[in-house]
Every structure is written in structure tokens, then in C-alpha cells.
Amino acid sequence: MEILIVVFSVPRWLRGPLPLCLRVSVARHAIIDRMLIAAARRRIAALRRPRTAARIARALWIALAVVVWNVVFDRVIVVSGRNYVAAAERAAAAPAGPFANMDDWMRPAVTRGCWTATAAGGVVLFTGLAAVSRAGRRSGRSAESLALQDRPR
């Protein structure tokens, strides 16, 4: 079965036979569509296997912990930068006072930010990995049985 593309401006006898590139086989595309849908279903089913799902969950929790670390560290640095700017404005307004040194404000902020961010990211990472581990144990399957189940047949 072929679908013909009709061009209304030129009569059929002037156009000649339809070029091969414009002939579309409906049956062939139906088979390809079914194969693509089946392949997509297999890939989604593979992601639902317990071991694969646990691996994806672990990767997502690690990514979330990295994002939390970056957000907390950035926030501590920004707040310290704002505090430094306010202190510099106050020092500049004083007639004979010493100027605020940026290193005196930002070096402790980097250390504080690093420790605070590491603690926040560690809590998120520990909580997430513990939840994934507990979810794997609650399913009633050991890691060995999950490994055997995920083997391709």
C-alpha cells in the first residue's frame, strides 16, 4: 500500500511517475512504529528492575547532596560578602578608623561555608542512601537475589 502525494498545480501526466523518495509504505512504518514502542517499553522495564532502580536512586541522592552543598556554600559566601560590604561602608564613613580588610572577613567565611555545606550535604547524602538501603531491605530481597534477577536471559 502506498500513499501518493498529490500536487494540484501540475497535471498528473506532466509530473510523471512518483519519485522513490516520496513513496511511503504504510505497512513498513507500522512495523517500525511497533518495534520502537516495544524497544521503549523494554528500556522502561529495565529501569524498573530493583537493582537498576536502586542504582538510579543512589545517583540521584548523590546529585542532590552535591546541589545542596553548592547552595549552602554559596549562601554562606554571599552573606559574608554582604557583611563585609556593610563593614567597609561603616569603616569608610568613620573619619579616622581602620578600613575593613576583605581577607579578615572572607577567609573565615570560606572555612565556615565549607564545614556548613559539608554537614548539610552529608546529612542529605546519609539520609538518601539510608532510605535507598532500607527500601531495598523492605522489599524482602537480598542483594544477591536482586543481582540474579537482573541478569539478562
Protein backbone atom coordinates (compact mmCIF):
# COMPACT_ATOMS: atom_id res chain seq x y z
CA MET A 1 0.00 0.00 0.00
CA GLU A 2 1.42 3.37 -0.99
CA ILE A 3 0.37 6.89 -0.18
CA LEU A 4 0.59 9.29 -3.06
CA ILE A 5 1.36 12.93 -2.52
CA VAL A 6 -0.92 14.99 -4.75
CA VAL A 7 0.26 18.25 -6.25
CA PHE A 8 -2.67 20.30 -7.58
CA SER A 9 -0.81 22.87 -9.67
CA VAL A 10 0.74 20.44 -12.18
CA PRO A 11 -1.31 17.85 -14.10
CA ARG A 12 -0.52 14.21 -13.38
CA TRP A 13 0.64 13.45 -16.96
CA LEU A 14 3.29 16.23 -16.67
CA ARG A 15 4.61 15.01 -13.37
CA GLY A 16 5.48 11.50 -14.46
CA PRO A 17 5.98 8.63 -12.00
CA LEU A 18 6.27 9.44 -8.34
CA PRO A 19 9.94 9.56 -7.20
CA LEU A 20 11.06 6.78 -4.88
CA CYS A 21 11.86 9.25 -2.12
CA LEU A 22 8.17 10.29 -1.96
CA ARG A 23 6.74 6.77 -1.84
CA VAL A 24 5.82 5.84 1.69
CA SER A 25 4.99 2.32 2.67
CA VAL A 26 2.37 2.35 5.41
CA ALA A 27 2.94 -1.27 6.40
CA ARG A 28 6.68 -0.74 6.84
CA HIS A 29 6.15 2.28 9.08
CA ALA A 30 3.58 0.42 11.16
CA ILE A 31 6.11 -2.34 11.83
CA ILE A 32 8.84 0.18 12.67
CA ASP A 33 6.47 2.03 14.99
CA ARG A 34 5.62 -1.19 16.82
CA MET A 35 9.32 -2.05 17.11
CA LEU A 36 10.16 1.41 18.51
CA ILE A 37 7.33 1.21 21.04
CA ALA A 38 8.45 -2.27 22.10
CA ALA A 39 12.05 -1.08 22.49
CA ALA A 40 10.93 1.88 24.61
CA ARG A 41 8.86 -0.43 26.81
CA ARG A 42 11.85 -2.73 27.29
CA ARG A 43 14.05 0.19 28.32
CA ILE A 44 11.46 1.45 30.79
CA ALA A 45 11.00 -2.07 32.16
CA ALA A 46 14.77 -2.35 32.60
CA LEU A 47 14.73 0.82 34.71
CA ARG A 48 12.08 -0.70 36.96
CA ARG A 49 14.22 -3.66 37.98
CA PRO A 50 15.06 -3.34 41.68
CA ARG A 51 18.82 -3.24 41.29
CA THR A 52 18.73 -0.71 38.45
CA ALA A 53 16.15 1.41 40.27
CA ALA A 54 18.30 1.41 43.41
CA ARG A 55 21.34 2.44 41.37
CA ILE A 56 19.42 5.33 39.82
CA ALA A 57 18.08 6.36 43.23
CA ARG A 58 21.60 6.38 44.68
CA ALA A 59 22.88 8.53 41.80
CA LEU A 60 20.01 10.98 42.25
CA TRP A 61 20.63 11.27 46.01
CA ILE A 62 24.33 11.90 45.37
CA ALA A 63 23.45 14.58 42.83
CA LEU A 64 21.04 16.17 45.31
CA ALA A 65 23.74 16.18 48.01
CA VAL A 66 26.13 17.95 45.61
CA VAL A 67 23.48 20.54 44.78
CA VAL A 68 22.75 21.11 48.50
CA TRP A 69 26.48 21.51 49.19
CA ASN A 70 26.79 24.12 46.42
CA VAL A 71 23.71 26.05 47.56
CA VAL A 72 24.74 26.16 51.22
CA PHE A 73 28.35 27.10 50.43
CA ASP A 74 27.22 29.82 48.05
CA ARG A 75 24.76 31.20 50.59
CA VAL A 76 27.40 31.43 53.33
CA ILE A 77 29.82 33.20 50.98
CA VAL A 78 27.14 35.64 49.78
CA VAL A 79 26.06 36.52 53.32
CA SER A 80 29.67 37.06 54.36
CA GLY A 81 30.27 39.22 51.31
CA ARG A 82 27.28 41.37 52.21
CA ASN A 83 28.52 41.65 55.79
CA TYR A 84 31.94 42.72 54.51
CA VAL A 85 30.40 45.38 52.25
CA ALA A 86 28.40 46.75 55.19
CA ALA A 87 31.52 46.79 57.38
CA ALA A 88 33.51 48.50 54.62
CA GLU A 89 30.81 51.17 54.29
CA ARG A 90 30.87 51.76 58.05
CA ALA A 91 34.68 51.92 58.04
CA ALA A 92 34.70 54.34 55.12
CA ALA A 93 32.15 56.57 56.88
CA ALA A 94 34.31 56.80 60.02
CA PRO A 95 36.77 59.68 59.70
CA ALA A 96 39.93 58.06 61.08
CA GLY A 97 39.00 54.40 61.59
CA PRO A 98 40.85 51.48 60.00
CA PHE A 99 39.48 50.14 56.73
CA ALA A 100 37.86 46.71 56.65
CA ASN A 101 40.20 44.08 55.20
CA MET A 102 38.49 41.62 52.87
CA ASP A 103 40.70 38.71 53.94
CA ASP A 104 39.66 39.22 57.55
CA TRP A 105 36.05 38.67 56.54
CA MET A 106 36.17 36.15 53.70
CA ARG A 107 38.80 33.61 54.81
CA PRO A 108 36.80 32.59 57.90
CA ALA A 109 33.67 32.62 55.72
CA VAL A 110 35.21 30.11 53.31
CA THR A 111 36.10 27.78 56.19
CA ARG A 112 32.69 28.19 57.82
CA GLY A 113 30.94 27.72 54.48
CA CYS A 114 32.92 24.59 53.70
CA TRP A 115 32.09 22.98 57.04
CA THR A 116 28.44 24.04 56.97
CA ALA A 117 27.95 22.89 53.38
CA THR A 118 29.69 19.59 54.06
CA ALA A 119 27.45 18.98 57.06
CA ALA A 120 24.28 19.80 55.09
CA GLY A 121 25.33 17.74 52.06
CA GLY A 122 26.39 14.87 54.32
CA VAL A 123 23.02 14.83 56.05
CA VAL A 124 21.22 14.72 52.70
CA LEU A 125 23.56 12.02 51.38
CA PHE A 126 23.32 9.89 54.52
CA THR A 127 19.53 10.20 54.64
CA GLY A 128 19.12 9.34 50.96
CA LEU A 129 21.48 6.38 50.90
CA ALA A 130 19.98 5.03 54.13
CA ALA A 131 16.49 5.33 52.64
CA VAL A 132 17.55 3.51 49.47
CA SER A 133 19.22 0.78 51.52
CA ARG A 134 16.20 0.39 53.76
CA ALA A 135 13.84 0.31 50.80
CA GLY A 136 15.93 -2.49 49.30
CA ARG A 137 15.74 -4.47 52.54
CA ARG A 138 12.00 -3.85 52.97
CA SER A 139 11.28 -5.48 49.65
CA GLY A 140 12.35 -8.76 51.26
CA ARG A 141 15.08 -9.49 48.76
CA SER A 142 18.77 -9.72 49.42
CA ALA A 143 21.36 -8.08 47.22
CA GLU A 144 22.36 -11.49 45.81
CA SER A 145 18.83 -12.31 44.71
CA LEU A 146 18.50 -8.87 43.14
CA ALA A 147 21.73 -9.45 41.22
CA LEU A 148 20.49 -12.81 39.97
CA GLN A 149 17.14 -11.32 38.97
CA ASP A 150 18.75 -8.52 36.94
CA ARG A 151 20.87 -10.84 34.84
CA PRO A 152 19.89 -10.80 31.14
CA ARG A 153 18.37 -14.01 29.90
